[in-house]
Amino acid sequence: METELFEELMMTVLVGGLVLFMAFIVWDLAKKSKAGRFGTMILFLALGLGVLGFLIKSFVIAGLEGV
């Protein structure tokens, strides 16, 4: 396996794992702080916007590279 392919694969897998871990942290924070439904939605919306930005960046880079 080439280094570039390995790096791209590991970045995707590890960032995905990090996003799942952050989702767990946000869920735990919402539960411990008794944020309620609206507060939990706001917390996950903020996390979701960060994930959406990462996905958009990936699509833009792929589009610029012509993949």
N, C-alpha and C. Protein backbone atom coordinates (compact mmCIF):
# COMPACT_ATOMS: atom_id res chain seq x y z
N MET A 1 0.85 -1.18 0.00
CA MET A 1 0.00 0.00 0.00
C MET A 1 0.90 1.23 0.00
N GLU A 2 0.55 2.17 -0.86
CA GLU A 2 1.34 3.40 -0.94
C GLU A 2 1.09 4.30 0.26
N THR A 3 2.07 5.12 0.55
CA THR A 3 1.99 6.00 1.72
C THR A 3 0.82 6.98 1.61
N GLU A 4 0.60 7.56 0.45
CA GLU A 4 -0.47 8.55 0.29
C GLU A 4 -1.83 7.93 0.52
N LEU A 5 -2.04 6.73 -0.02
CA LEU A 5 -3.32 6.04 0.16
C LEU A 5 -3.54 5.70 1.62
N PHE A 6 -2.48 5.22 2.29
CA PHE A 6 -2.57 4.88 3.70
C PHE A 6 -2.90 6.12 4.55
N GLU A 7 -2.23 7.24 4.26
CA GLU A 7 -2.48 8.47 5.00
C GLU A 7 -3.91 8.95 4.81
N GLU A 8 -4.41 8.89 3.58
CA GLU A 8 -5.78 9.33 3.31
C GLU A 8 -6.79 8.44 4.02
N LEU A 9 -6.55 7.14 3.97
CA LEU A 9 -7.45 6.19 4.63
C LEU A 9 -7.45 6.39 6.14
N MET A 10 -6.26 6.51 6.72
CA MET A 10 -6.16 6.68 8.17
C MET A 10 -6.75 8.01 8.62
N MET A 11 -6.57 9.07 7.82
CA MET A 11 -7.15 10.35 8.20
C MET A 11 -8.67 10.24 8.25
N THR A 12 -9.25 9.60 7.25
CA THR A 12 -10.70 9.44 7.21
C THR A 12 -11.19 8.60 8.38
N VAL A 13 -10.53 7.48 8.64
CA VAL A 13 -10.95 6.59 9.72
C VAL A 13 -10.76 7.25 11.08
N LEU A 14 -9.61 7.86 11.30
CA LEU A 14 -9.33 8.45 12.61
C LEU A 14 -10.16 9.70 12.87
N VAL A 15 -10.40 10.51 11.85
CA VAL A 15 -11.26 11.69 12.04
C VAL A 15 -12.69 11.23 12.30
N GLY A 16 -13.12 10.17 11.61
CA GLY A 16 -14.45 9.61 11.88
C GLY A 16 -14.58 9.13 13.32
N GLY A 17 -13.53 8.45 13.80
CA GLY A 17 -13.53 8.02 15.20
C GLY A 17 -13.54 9.19 16.16
N LEU A 18 -12.81 10.23 15.81
CA LEU A 18 -12.80 11.43 16.65
C LEU A 18 -14.17 12.09 16.70
N VAL A 19 -14.86 12.13 15.58
CA VAL A 19 -16.20 12.71 15.52
C VAL A 19 -17.16 11.90 16.39
N LEU A 20 -17.06 10.57 16.32
CA LEU A 20 -17.92 9.73 17.17
C LEU A 20 -17.61 9.95 18.65
N PHE A 21 -16.33 10.08 18.98
CA PHE A 21 -15.95 10.33 20.37
C PHE A 21 -16.47 11.70 20.83
N MET A 22 -16.39 12.69 19.96
CA MET A 22 -16.91 14.02 20.30
C MET A 22 -18.42 13.97 20.49
N ALA A 23 -19.12 13.17 19.67
CA ALA A 23 -20.57 13.02 19.83
C ALA A 23 -20.89 12.42 21.20
N PHE A 24 -20.10 11.44 21.62
CA PHE A 24 -20.30 10.86 22.94
C PHE A 24 -20.06 11.89 24.03
N ILE A 25 -19.02 12.71 23.88
CA ILE A 25 -18.71 13.74 24.87
C ILE A 25 -19.85 14.76 24.96
N VAL A 26 -20.38 15.17 23.81
CA VAL A 26 -21.48 16.14 23.81
C VAL A 26 -22.72 15.54 24.45
N TRP A 27 -23.01 14.28 24.12
CA TRP A 27 -24.17 13.61 24.72
C TRP A 27 -24.02 13.52 26.23
N ASP A 28 -22.82 13.15 26.69
CA ASP A 28 -22.57 13.05 28.13
C ASP A 28 -22.66 14.42 28.79
N LEU A 29 -22.14 15.45 28.14
CA LEU A 29 -22.22 16.81 28.67
C LEU A 29 -23.67 17.26 28.77
N ALA A 30 -24.47 16.98 27.76
CA ALA A 30 -25.88 17.37 27.79
C ALA A 30 -26.62 16.63 28.89
N LYS A 31 -26.30 15.36 29.08
CA LYS A 31 -26.97 14.58 30.11
C LYS A 31 -26.59 15.06 31.51
N LYS A 32 -25.30 15.30 31.73
CA LYS A 32 -24.85 15.72 33.06
C LYS A 32 -25.30 17.13 33.42
N SER A 33 -25.41 18.00 32.40
CA SER A 33 -25.81 19.38 32.69
C SER A 33 -27.32 19.55 32.63
N LYS A 34 -28.04 18.47 32.34
CA LYS A 34 -29.51 18.50 32.24
C LYS A 34 -29.96 19.59 31.28
N ALA A 35 -29.39 19.56 30.07
CA ALA A 35 -29.63 20.60 29.08
C ALA A 35 -31.04 20.55 28.51
N GLY A 36 -31.70 19.44 28.56
CA GLY A 36 -33.03 19.33 27.97
C GLY A 36 -32.92 19.07 26.48
N ARG A 37 -34.07 18.94 25.83
CA ARG A 37 -34.07 18.63 24.40
C ARG A 37 -33.49 19.76 23.56
N PHE A 38 -33.93 20.97 23.84
CA PHE A 38 -33.48 22.10 23.03
C PHE A 38 -31.98 22.33 23.20
N GLY A 39 -31.49 22.27 24.42
CA GLY A 39 -30.06 22.46 24.67
C GLY A 39 -29.22 21.36 24.03
N THR A 40 -29.72 20.13 24.09
CA THR A 40 -29.01 19.01 23.46
C THR A 40 -28.99 19.20 21.94
N MET A 41 -30.10 19.65 21.38
CA MET A 41 -30.14 19.91 19.93
C MET A 41 -29.12 20.97 19.54
N ILE A 42 -29.02 22.03 20.33
CA ILE A 42 -28.07 23.10 20.03
C ILE A 42 -26.64 22.58 20.11
N LEU A 43 -26.34 21.78 21.12
CA LEU A 43 -25.00 21.21 21.25
C LEU A 43 -24.65 20.33 20.06
N PHE A 44 -25.58 19.47 19.65
CA PHE A 44 -25.31 18.60 18.52
C PHE A 44 -25.31 19.37 17.20
N LEU A 45 -26.05 20.46 17.12
CA LEU A 45 -26.02 21.30 15.92
C LEU A 45 -24.62 21.91 15.75
N ALA A 46 -24.04 22.37 16.83
CA ALA A 46 -22.69 22.94 16.75
C ALA A 46 -21.68 21.87 16.31
N LEU A 47 -21.79 20.66 16.87
CA LEU A 47 -20.91 19.57 16.45
C LEU A 47 -21.17 19.22 15.00
N GLY A 48 -22.44 19.18 14.60
CA GLY A 48 -22.80 18.84 13.23
C GLY A 48 -22.27 19.83 12.21
N LEU A 49 -22.23 21.11 12.58
CA LEU A 49 -21.68 22.11 11.66
C LEU A 49 -20.18 21.89 11.45
N GLY A 50 -19.49 21.50 12.49
CA GLY A 50 -18.07 21.20 12.35
C GLY A 50 -17.83 20.00 11.44
N VAL A 51 -18.64 18.96 11.60
CA VAL A 51 -18.53 17.77 10.75
C VAL A 51 -18.90 18.11 9.32
N LEU A 52 -19.94 18.92 9.15
CA LEU A 52 -20.35 19.34 7.81
C LEU A 52 -19.23 20.13 7.13
N GLY A 53 -18.55 20.98 7.86
CA GLY A 53 -17.43 21.72 7.30
C GLY A 53 -16.31 20.79 6.85
N PHE A 54 -16.03 19.75 7.62
CA PHE A 54 -15.00 18.77 7.23
C PHE A 54 -15.41 18.04 5.95
N LEU A 55 -16.68 17.65 5.86
CA LEU A 55 -17.16 16.95 4.66
C LEU A 55 -17.12 17.86 3.43
N ILE A 56 -17.55 19.10 3.59
CA ILE A 56 -17.52 20.03 2.47
C ILE A 56 -16.09 20.25 2.00
N LYS A 57 -15.16 20.38 2.94
CA LYS A 57 -13.75 20.54 2.58
C LYS A 57 -13.26 19.35 1.77
N SER A 58 -13.65 18.15 2.17
CA SER A 58 -13.24 16.95 1.43
C SER A 58 -13.78 16.96 0.01
N PHE A 59 -15.05 17.35 -0.15
CA PHE A 59 -15.65 17.39 -1.50
C PHE A 59 -15.02 18.48 -2.36
N VAL A 60 -14.72 19.62 -1.78
CA VAL A 60 -14.11 20.71 -2.54
C VAL A 60 -12.71 20.31 -3.01
N ILE A 61 -11.94 19.69 -2.12
CA ILE A 61 -10.59 19.24 -2.50
C ILE A 61 -10.67 18.18 -3.59
N ALA A 62 -11.61 17.25 -3.46
CA ALA A 62 -11.76 16.22 -4.49
C ALA A 62 -12.17 16.84 -5.82
N GLY A 63 -13.02 17.87 -5.78
CA GLY A 63 -13.43 18.54 -7.00
C GLY A 63 -12.29 19.30 -7.66
N LEU A 64 -11.46 19.92 -6.85
CA LEU A 64 -10.32 20.67 -7.40
C LEU A 64 -9.27 19.74 -7.98
N GLU A 65 -9.12 18.56 -7.38
CA GLU A 65 -8.15 17.60 -7.89
C GLU A 65 -8.68 16.84 -9.10
N GLY A 66 -9.98 16.92 -9.34
CA GLY A 66 -10.58 16.26 -10.50
C GLY A 66 -10.83 14.78 -10.27
N VAL A 67 -11.07 14.40 -9.02
CA VAL A 67 -11.33 12.99 -8.71
C VAL A 67 -12.79 12.71 -8.84
